[in-house]
């Protein structure tokens, strides 16, 4: 049970990191597009 909880916690952290990275890339692209405009 502890191993499963640890794996779930790591998977959740990985998912949050990926979402955060994707969000940052989207913001960066929007800023670049706005700056170019």
ModelCIF file with pLDDT and N, C-alpha, C, O atoms, coordinates in Angstrom:
data_MODEL
#
_entry.id   MODEL 
#
_entity.id                         1 
_entity.type                       polymer 
_entity.pdbx_number_of_molecules   1 
#
_entity_poly.entity_id                      1 
_entity_poly.type                           'polypeptide(L)' 
_entity_poly.nstd_linkage                   no 
_entity_poly.nstd_monomer                   no 
_entity_poly.pdbx_seq_one_letter_code       
;(UNK)(UNK)(UNK)(UNK)(UNK)(UNK)(UNK)(UNK)(UNK)(UNK)(UNK)(UNK)(UNK)(UNK)(UNK)(UNK)
(UNK)(UNK)(UNK)(UNK)(UNK)(UNK)(UNK)(UNK)(UNK)(UNK)(UNK)(UNK)(UNK)(UNK)(UNK)(UNK)
(UNK)(UNK)(UNK)(UNK)(UNK)
;
_entity_poly.pdbx_seq_one_letter_code_can   XXXXXXXXXXXXXXXXXXXXXXXXXXXXXXXXXXXXX 
_entity_poly.pdbx_strand_id                 A 
#
loop_
_entity_poly_seq.entity_id 
_entity_poly_seq.num 
_entity_poly_seq.mon_id 
_entity_poly_seq.hetero 
1 1  UNK n 
1 2  UNK n 
1 3  UNK n 
1 4  UNK n 
1 5  UNK n 
1 6  UNK n 
1 7  UNK n 
1 8  UNK n 
1 9  UNK n 
1 10 UNK n 
1 11 UNK n 
1 12 UNK n 
1 13 UNK n 
1 14 UNK n 
1 15 UNK n 
1 16 UNK n 
1 17 UNK n 
1 18 UNK n 
1 19 UNK n 
1 20 UNK n 
1 21 UNK n 
1 22 UNK n 
1 23 UNK n 
1 24 UNK n 
1 25 UNK n 
1 26 UNK n 
1 27 UNK n 
1 28 UNK n 
1 29 UNK n 
1 30 UNK n 
1 31 UNK n 
1 32 UNK n 
1 33 UNK n 
1 34 UNK n 
1 35 UNK n 
1 36 UNK n 
1 37 UNK n 
#
_struct_asym.id          A 
_struct_asym.entity_id   1 
#
loop_
_ma_qa_metric.id 
_ma_qa_metric.mode 
_ma_qa_metric.name 
_ma_qa_metric.software_group_id 
_ma_qa_metric.type 
1 global pLDDT . pLDDT 
2 local  pLDDT . pLDDT 
#
_ma_qa_metric_global.metric_id      1 
_ma_qa_metric_global.metric_value   94.54 
_ma_qa_metric_global.model_id       1 
_ma_qa_metric_global.ordinal_id     1 
#
loop_
_ma_qa_metric_local.label_asym_id 
_ma_qa_metric_local.label_comp_id 
_ma_qa_metric_local.label_seq_id 
_ma_qa_metric_local.metric_id 
_ma_qa_metric_local.metric_value 
_ma_qa_metric_local.model_id 
_ma_qa_metric_local.ordinal_id 
A UNK 1  2 94.00 1 1  
A UNK 2  2 93.00 1 2  
A UNK 3  2 93.00 1 3  
A UNK 4  2 95.00 1 4  
A UNK 5  2 94.00 1 5  
A UNK 6  2 94.00 1 6  
A UNK 7  2 95.00 1 7  
A UNK 8  2 94.00 1 8  
A UNK 9  2 94.00 1 9  
A UNK 10 2 95.00 1 10 
A UNK 11 2 95.00 1 11 
A UNK 12 2 95.00 1 12 
A UNK 13 2 95.00 1 13 
A UNK 14 2 94.00 1 14 
A UNK 15 2 95.00 1 15 
A UNK 16 2 95.00 1 16 
A UNK 17 2 94.00 1 17 
A UNK 18 2 95.00 1 18 
A UNK 19 2 95.00 1 19 
A UNK 20 2 95.00 1 20 
A UNK 21 2 94.00 1 21 
A UNK 22 2 95.00 1 22 
A UNK 23 2 94.00 1 23 
A UNK 24 2 95.00 1 24 
A UNK 25 2 95.00 1 25 
A UNK 26 2 95.00 1 26 
A UNK 27 2 95.00 1 27 
A UNK 28 2 95.00 1 28 
A UNK 29 2 95.00 1 29 
A UNK 30 2 95.00 1 30 
A UNK 31 2 95.00 1 31 
A UNK 32 2 94.00 1 32 
A UNK 33 2 95.00 1 33 
A UNK 34 2 95.00 1 34 
A UNK 35 2 94.00 1 35 
A UNK 36 2 94.00 1 36 
A UNK 37 2 94.00 1 37 
#
loop_
_atom_site.group_PDB 
_atom_site.id 
_atom_site.type_symbol 
_atom_site.label_atom_id 
_atom_site.label_alt_id 
_atom_site.label_comp_id 
_atom_site.label_asym_id 
_atom_site.label_entity_id 
_atom_site.label_seq_id 
_atom_site.pdbx_PDB_ins_code 
_atom_site.Cartn_x 
_atom_site.Cartn_y 
_atom_site.Cartn_z 
_atom_site.occupancy 
_atom_site.B_iso_or_equiv 
_atom_site.pdbx_formal_charge 
_atom_site.auth_seq_id 
_atom_site.auth_comp_id 
_atom_site.auth_asym_id 
_atom_site.auth_atom_id 
_atom_site.pdbx_PDB_model_num 
ATOM 1   N N  . UNK A 1 1  ? 0.830 -1.205 0.000   1.00 94.00 ? 1  UNK A N  1 
ATOM 2   C CA . UNK A 1 1  ? 0.000 0.000  0.000   1.00 94.00 ? 1  UNK A CA 1 
ATOM 3   C C  . UNK A 1 1  ? 0.867 1.259  0.000   1.00 94.00 ? 1  UNK A C  1 
ATOM 4   O O  . UNK A 1 1  ? 0.560 2.226  -0.697  1.00 94.00 ? 1  UNK A O  1 
ATOM 5   N N  . UNK A 1 2  ? 1.944 1.246  0.777   1.00 93.00 ? 2  UNK A N  1 
ATOM 6   C CA . UNK A 1 2  ? 2.855 2.400  0.808   1.00 93.00 ? 2  UNK A CA 1 
ATOM 7   C C  . UNK A 1 2  ? 3.533 2.588  -0.551  1.00 93.00 ? 2  UNK A C  1 
ATOM 8   O O  . UNK A 1 2  ? 3.679 3.712  -1.032  1.00 93.00 ? 2  UNK A O  1 
ATOM 9   N N  . UNK A 1 3  ? 3.945 1.474  -1.163  1.00 93.00 ? 3  UNK A N  1 
ATOM 10  C CA . UNK A 1 3  ? 4.573 1.561  -2.483  1.00 93.00 ? 3  UNK A CA 1 
ATOM 11  C C  . UNK A 1 3  ? 3.596 2.125  -3.513  1.00 93.00 ? 3  UNK A C  1 
ATOM 12  O O  . UNK A 1 3  ? 3.962 2.956  -4.344  1.00 93.00 ? 3  UNK A O  1 
ATOM 13  N N  . UNK A 1 4  ? 2.347 1.660  -3.444  1.00 95.00 ? 4  UNK A N  1 
ATOM 14  C CA . UNK A 1 4  ? 1.332 2.144  -4.388  1.00 95.00 ? 4  UNK A CA 1 
ATOM 15  C C  . UNK A 1 4  ? 1.070 3.633  -4.174  1.00 95.00 ? 4  UNK A C  1 
ATOM 16  O O  . UNK A 1 4  ? 0.943 4.391  -5.136  1.00 95.00 ? 4  UNK A O  1 
ATOM 17  N N  . UNK A 1 5  ? 0.990 4.046  -2.914  1.00 94.00 ? 5  UNK A N  1 
ATOM 18  C CA . UNK A 1 5  ? 0.759 5.465  -2.616  1.00 94.00 ? 5  UNK A CA 1 
ATOM 19  C C  . UNK A 1 5  ? 1.929 6.308  -3.098  1.00 94.00 ? 5  UNK A C  1 
ATOM 20  O O  . UNK A 1 5  ? 1.737 7.403  -3.626  1.00 94.00 ? 5  UNK A O  1 
ATOM 21  N N  . UNK A 1 6  ? 3.134 5.800  -2.917  1.00 94.00 ? 6  UNK A N  1 
ATOM 22  C CA . UNK A 1 6  ? 4.321 6.532  -3.367  1.00 94.00 ? 6  UNK A CA 1 
ATOM 23  C C  . UNK A 1 6  ? 4.330 6.653  -4.890  1.00 94.00 ? 6  UNK A C  1 
ATOM 24  O O  . UNK A 1 6  ? 4.631 7.717  -5.431  1.00 94.00 ? 6  UNK A O  1 
ATOM 25  N N  . UNK A 1 7  ? 3.998 5.558  -5.578  1.00 95.00 ? 7  UNK A N  1 
ATOM 26  C CA . UNK A 1 7  ? 3.959 5.589  -7.045  1.00 95.00 ? 7  UNK A CA 1 
ATOM 27  C C  . UNK A 1 7  ? 2.885 6.548  -7.534  1.00 95.00 ? 7  UNK A C  1 
ATOM 28  O O  . UNK A 1 7  ? 3.095 7.278  -8.503  1.00 95.00 ? 7  UNK A O  1 
ATOM 29  N N  . UNK A 1 8  ? 1.732 6.548  -6.867  1.00 94.00 ? 8  UNK A N  1 
ATOM 30  C CA . UNK A 1 8  ? 0.663 7.469  -7.244  1.00 94.00 ? 8  UNK A CA 1 
ATOM 31  C C  . UNK A 1 8  ? 1.086 8.916  -7.015  1.00 94.00 ? 8  UNK A C  1 
ATOM 32  O O  . UNK A 1 8  ? 0.813 9.786  -7.842  1.00 94.00 ? 8  UNK A O  1 
ATOM 33  N N  . UNK A 1 9  ? 1.747 9.166  -5.903  1.00 94.00 ? 9  UNK A N  1 
ATOM 34  C CA . UNK A 1 9  ? 2.226 10.519 -5.623  1.00 94.00 ? 9  UNK A CA 1 
ATOM 35  C C  . UNK A 1 9  ? 3.225 10.984 -6.666  1.00 94.00 ? 9  UNK A C  1 
ATOM 36  O O  . UNK A 1 9  ? 3.176 12.133 -7.107  1.00 94.00 ? 9  UNK A O  1 
ATOM 37  N N  . UNK A 1 10 ? 4.138 10.095 -7.068  1.00 95.00 ? 10 UNK A N  1 
ATOM 38  C CA . UNK A 1 10 ? 5.131 10.459 -8.084  1.00 95.00 ? 10 UNK A CA 1 
ATOM 39  C C  . UNK A 1 10 ? 4.458 10.700 -9.431  1.00 95.00 ? 10 UNK A C  1 
ATOM 40  O O  . UNK A 1 10 ? 4.804 11.641 -10.145 1.00 95.00 ? 10 UNK A O  1 
ATOM 41  N N  . UNK A 1 11 ? 3.495 9.848  -9.773  1.00 95.00 ? 11 UNK A N  1 
ATOM 42  C CA . UNK A 1 11 ? 2.781 10.019 -11.041 1.00 95.00 ? 11 UNK A CA 1 
ATOM 43  C C  . UNK A 1 11 ? 2.015 11.339 -11.057 1.00 95.00 ? 11 UNK A C  1 
ATOM 44  O O  . UNK A 1 11 ? 1.969 12.032 -12.073 1.00 95.00 ? 11 UNK A O  1 
ATOM 45  N N  . UNK A 1 12 ? 1.423 11.671 -9.931  1.00 95.00 ? 12 UNK A N  1 
ATOM 46  C CA . UNK A 1 12 ? 0.698 12.947 -9.829  1.00 95.00 ? 12 UNK A CA 1 
ATOM 47  C C  . UNK A 1 12 ? 1.658 14.124 -9.983  1.00 95.00 ? 12 UNK A C  1 
ATOM 48  O O  . UNK A 1 12 ? 1.358 15.085 -10.691 1.00 95.00 ? 12 UNK A O  1 
ATOM 49  N N  . UNK A 1 13 ? 2.805 14.047 -9.324  1.00 95.00 ? 13 UNK A N  1 
ATOM 50  C CA . UNK A 1 13 ? 3.804 15.121 -9.433  1.00 95.00 ? 13 UNK A CA 1 
ATOM 51  C C  . UNK A 1 13 ? 4.296 15.259 -10.865 1.00 95.00 ? 13 UNK A C  1 
ATOM 52  O O  . UNK A 1 13 ? 4.465 16.371 -11.364 1.00 95.00 ? 13 UNK A O  1 
ATOM 53  N N  . UNK A 1 14 ? 4.528 14.123 -11.528 1.00 94.00 ? 14 UNK A N  1 
ATOM 54  C CA . UNK A 1 14 ? 4.968 14.160 -12.925 1.00 94.00 ? 14 UNK A CA 1 
ATOM 55  C C  . UNK A 1 14 ? 3.906 14.818 -13.810 1.00 94.00 ? 14 UNK A C  1 
ATOM 56  O O  . UNK A 1 14 ? 4.231 15.618 -14.688 1.00 94.00 ? 14 UNK A O  1 
ATOM 57  N N  . UNK A 1 15 ? 2.646 14.477 -13.576 1.00 95.00 ? 15 UNK A N  1 
ATOM 58  C CA . UNK A 1 15 ? 1.557 15.060 -14.373 1.00 95.00 ? 15 UNK A CA 1 
ATOM 59  C C  . UNK A 1 15 ? 1.467 16.565 -14.133 1.00 95.00 ? 15 UNK A C  1 
ATOM 60  O O  . UNK A 1 15 ? 1.292 17.336 -15.077 1.00 95.00 ? 15 UNK A O  1 
ATOM 61  N N  . UNK A 1 16 ? 1.586 16.977 -12.893 1.00 95.00 ? 16 UNK A N  1 
ATOM 62  C CA . UNK A 1 16 ? 1.537 18.413 -12.576 1.00 95.00 ? 16 UNK A CA 1 
ATOM 63  C C  . UNK A 1 16 ? 2.694 19.142 -13.254 1.00 95.00 ? 16 UNK A C  1 
ATOM 64  O O  . UNK A 1 16 ? 2.516 20.237 -13.789 1.00 95.00 ? 16 UNK A O  1 
ATOM 65  N N  . UNK A 1 17 ? 3.877 18.535 -13.230 1.00 94.00 ? 17 UNK A N  1 
ATOM 66  C CA . UNK A 1 17 ? 5.037 19.152 -13.877 1.00 94.00 ? 17 UNK A CA 1 
ATOM 67  C C  . UNK A 1 17 ? 4.819 19.302 -15.381 1.00 94.00 ? 17 UNK A C  1 
ATOM 68  O O  . UNK A 1 17 ? 5.159 20.332 -15.962 1.00 94.00 ? 17 UNK A O  1 
ATOM 69  N N  . UNK A 1 18 ? 4.254 18.274 -16.006 1.00 95.00 ? 18 UNK A N  1 
ATOM 70  C CA . UNK A 1 18 ? 4.000 18.337 -17.450 1.00 95.00 ? 18 UNK A CA 1 
ATOM 71  C C  . UNK A 1 18 ? 2.969 19.410 -17.770 1.00 95.00 ? 18 UNK A C  1 
ATOM 72  O O  . UNK A 1 18 ? 3.114 20.148 -18.744 1.00 95.00 ? 18 UNK A O  1 
ATOM 73  N N  . UNK A 1 19 ? 1.932 19.493 -16.950 1.00 95.00 ? 19 UNK A N  1 
ATOM 74  C CA . UNK A 1 19 ? 0.899 20.517 -17.169 1.00 95.00 ? 19 UNK A CA 1 
ATOM 75  C C  . UNK A 1 19 ? 1.492 21.904 -16.985 1.00 95.00 ? 19 UNK A C  1 
ATOM 76  O O  . UNK A 1 19 ? 1.205 22.814 -17.763 1.00 95.00 ? 19 UNK A O  1 
ATOM 77  N N  . UNK A 1 20 ? 2.313 22.067 -15.964 1.00 95.00 ? 20 UNK A N  1 
ATOM 78  C CA . UNK A 1 20 ? 2.955 23.357 -15.703 1.00 95.00 ? 20 UNK A CA 1 
ATOM 79  C C  . UNK A 1 20 ? 3.862 23.753 -16.868 1.00 95.00 ? 20 UNK A C  1 
ATOM 80  O O  . UNK A 1 20 ? 3.847 24.899 -17.318 1.00 95.00 ? 20 UNK A O  1 
ATOM 81  N N  . UNK A 1 21 ? 4.646 22.797 -17.346 1.00 94.00 ? 21 UNK A N  1 
ATOM 82  C CA . UNK A 1 21 ? 5.534 23.070 -18.481 1.00 94.00 ? 21 UNK A CA 1 
ATOM 83  C C  . UNK A 1 21 ? 4.730 23.452 -19.720 1.00 94.00 ? 21 UNK A C  1 
ATOM 84  O O  . UNK A 1 21 ? 5.078 24.401 -20.422 1.00 94.00 ? 21 UNK A O  1 
ATOM 85  N N  . UNK A 1 22 ? 3.663 22.718 -19.985 1.00 95.00 ? 22 UNK A N  1 
ATOM 86  C CA . UNK A 1 22 ? 2.828 23.017 -21.153 1.00 95.00 ? 22 UNK A CA 1 
ATOM 87  C C  . UNK A 1 22 ? 2.187 24.395 -21.015 1.00 95.00 ? 22 UNK A C  1 
ATOM 88  O O  . UNK A 1 22 ? 2.107 25.149 -21.985 1.00 95.00 ? 22 UNK A O  1 
ATOM 89  N N  . UNK A 1 23 ? 1.732 24.717 -19.812 1.00 94.00 ? 23 UNK A N  1 
ATOM 90  C CA . UNK A 1 23 ? 1.136 26.034 -19.576 1.00 94.00 ? 23 UNK A CA 1 
ATOM 91  C C  . UNK A 1 23 ? 2.144 27.149 -19.777 1.00 94.00 ? 23 UNK A C  1 
ATOM 92  O O  . UNK A 1 23 ? 1.820 28.184 -20.358 1.00 94.00 ? 23 UNK A O  1 
ATOM 93  N N  . UNK A 1 24 ? 3.366 26.945 -19.303 1.00 95.00 ? 24 UNK A N  1 
ATOM 94  C CA . UNK A 1 24 ? 4.409 27.958 -19.465 1.00 95.00 ? 24 UNK A CA 1 
ATOM 95  C C  . UNK A 1 24 ? 4.746 28.146 -20.931 1.00 95.00 ? 24 UNK A C  1 
ATOM 96  O O  . UNK A 1 24 ? 4.947 29.274 -21.382 1.00 95.00 ? 24 UNK A O  1 
ATOM 97  N N  . UNK A 1 25 ? 4.809 27.056 -21.680 1.00 95.00 ? 25 UNK A N  1 
ATOM 98  C CA . UNK A 1 25 ? 5.098 27.160 -23.115 1.00 95.00 ? 25 UNK A CA 1 
ATOM 99  C C  . UNK A 1 25 ? 3.985 27.911 -23.833 1.00 95.00 ? 25 UNK A C  1 
ATOM 100 O O  . UNK A 1 25 ? 4.253 28.708 -24.732 1.00 95.00 ? 25 UNK A O  1 
ATOM 101 N N  . UNK A 1 26 ? 2.741 27.661 -23.442 1.00 95.00 ? 26 UNK A N  1 
ATOM 102 C CA . UNK A 1 26 ? 1.617 28.370 -24.060 1.00 95.00 ? 26 UNK A CA 1 
ATOM 103 C C  . UNK A 1 26 ? 1.675 29.867 -23.753 1.00 95.00 ? 26 UNK A C  1 
ATOM 104 O O  . UNK A 1 26 ? 1.424 30.696 -24.627 1.00 95.00 ? 26 UNK A O  1 
ATOM 105 N N  . UNK A 1 27 ? 2.006 30.204 -22.515 1.00 95.00 ? 27 UNK A N  1 
ATOM 106 C CA . UNK A 1 27 ? 2.119 31.615 -22.131 1.00 95.00 ? 27 UNK A CA 1 
ATOM 107 C C  . UNK A 1 27 ? 3.272 32.273 -22.892 1.00 95.00 ? 27 UNK A C  1 
ATOM 108 O O  . UNK A 1 27 ? 3.136 33.391 -23.388 1.00 95.00 ? 27 UNK A O  1 
ATOM 109 N N  . UNK A 1 28 ? 4.396 31.580 -22.979 1.00 95.00 ? 28 UNK A N  1 
ATOM 110 C CA . UNK A 1 28 ? 5.546 32.120 -23.715 1.00 95.00 ? 28 UNK A CA 1 
ATOM 111 C C  . UNK A 1 28 ? 5.190 32.382 -25.166 1.00 95.00 ? 28 UNK A C  1 
ATOM 112 O O  . UNK A 1 28 ? 5.547 33.421 -25.723 1.00 95.00 ? 28 UNK A O  1 
ATOM 113 N N  . UNK A 1 29 ? 4.482 31.434 -25.783 1.00 95.00 ? 29 UNK A N  1 
ATOM 114 C CA . UNK A 1 29 ? 4.102 31.601 -27.192 1.00 95.00 ? 29 UNK A CA 1 
ATOM 115 C C  . UNK A 1 29 ? 3.129 32.770 -27.347 1.00 95.00 ? 29 UNK A C  1 
ATOM 116 O O  . UNK A 1 29 ? 3.252 33.562 -28.282 1.00 95.00 ? 29 UNK A O  1 
ATOM 117 N N  . UNK A 1 30 ? 2.169 32.878 -26.436 1.00 95.00 ? 30 UNK A N  1 
ATOM 118 C CA . UNK A 1 30 ? 1.212 33.982 -26.505 1.00 95.00 ? 30 UNK A CA 1 
ATOM 119 C C  . UNK A 1 30 ? 1.919 35.324 -26.349 1.00 95.00 ? 30 UNK A C  1 
ATOM 120 O O  . UNK A 1 30 ? 1.603 36.282 -27.055 1.00 95.00 ? 30 UNK A O  1 
ATOM 121 N N  . UNK A 1 31 ? 2.871 35.393 -25.433 1.00 95.00 ? 31 UNK A N  1 
ATOM 122 C CA . UNK A 1 31 ? 3.625 36.640 -25.238 1.00 95.00 ? 31 UNK A CA 1 
ATOM 123 C C  . UNK A 1 31 ? 4.436 36.987 -26.477 1.00 95.00 ? 31 UNK A C  1 
ATOM 124 O O  . UNK A 1 31 ? 4.480 38.145 -26.890 1.00 95.00 ? 31 UNK A O  1 
ATOM 125 N N  . UNK A 1 32 ? 5.077 35.986 -27.069 1.00 94.00 ? 32 UNK A N  1 
ATOM 126 C CA . UNK A 1 32 ? 5.878 36.210 -28.274 1.00 94.00 ? 32 UNK A CA 1 
ATOM 127 C C  . UNK A 1 32 ? 4.986 36.693 -29.417 1.00 94.00 ? 32 UNK A C  1 
ATOM 128 O O  . UNK A 1 32 ? 5.339 37.629 -30.135 1.00 94.00 ? 32 UNK A O  1 
ATOM 129 N N  . UNK A 1 33 ? 3.835 36.053 -29.579 1.00 95.00 ? 33 UNK A N  1 
ATOM 130 C CA . UNK A 1 33 ? 2.902 36.450 -30.640 1.00 95.00 ? 33 UNK A CA 1 
ATOM 131 C C  . UNK A 1 33 ? 2.423 37.878 -30.420 1.00 95.00 ? 33 UNK A C  1 
ATOM 132 O O  . UNK A 1 33 ? 2.343 38.664 -31.364 1.00 95.00 ? 33 UNK A O  1 
ATOM 133 N N  . UNK A 1 34 ? 2.105 38.212 -29.177 1.00 95.00 ? 34 UNK A N  1 
ATOM 134 C CA . UNK A 1 34 ? 1.667 39.574 -28.855 1.00 95.00 ? 34 UNK A CA 1 
ATOM 135 C C  . UNK A 1 34 ? 2.779 40.575 -29.110 1.00 95.00 ? 34 UNK A C  1 
ATOM 136 O O  . UNK A 1 34 ? 2.541 41.637 -29.683 1.00 95.00 ? 34 UNK A O  1 
ATOM 137 N N  . UNK A 1 35 ? 3.988 40.244 -28.690 1.00 94.00 ? 35 UNK A N  1 
ATOM 138 C CA . UNK A 1 35 ? 5.127 41.137 -28.900 1.00 94.00 ? 35 UNK A CA 1 
ATOM 139 C C  . UNK A 1 35 ? 5.364 41.360 -30.392 1.00 94.00 ? 35 UNK A C  1 
ATOM 140 O O  . UNK A 1 35 ? 5.596 42.489 -30.825 1.00 94.00 ? 35 UNK A O  1 
ATOM 141 N N  . UNK A 1 36 ? 5.307 40.283 -31.179 1.00 94.00 ? 36 UNK A N  1 
ATOM 142 C CA . UNK A 1 36 ? 5.489 40.413 -32.628 1.00 94.00 ? 36 UNK A CA 1 
ATOM 143 C C  . UNK A 1 36 ? 4.415 41.307 -33.231 1.00 94.00 ? 36 UNK A C  1 
ATOM 144 O O  . UNK A 1 36 ? 4.699 42.132 -34.099 1.00 94.00 ? 36 UNK A O  1 
ATOM 145 N N  . UNK A 1 37 ? 3.178 41.139 -32.767 1.00 94.00 ? 37 UNK A N  1 
ATOM 146 C CA . UNK A 1 37 ? 2.076 41.967 -33.271 1.00 94.00 ? 37 UNK A CA 1 
ATOM 147 C C  . UNK A 1 37 ? 2.261 43.430 -32.921 1.00 94.00 ? 37 UNK A C  1 
ATOM 148 O O  . UNK A 1 37 ? 1.421 44.259 -33.272 1.00 94.00 ? 37 UNK A O  1 
#
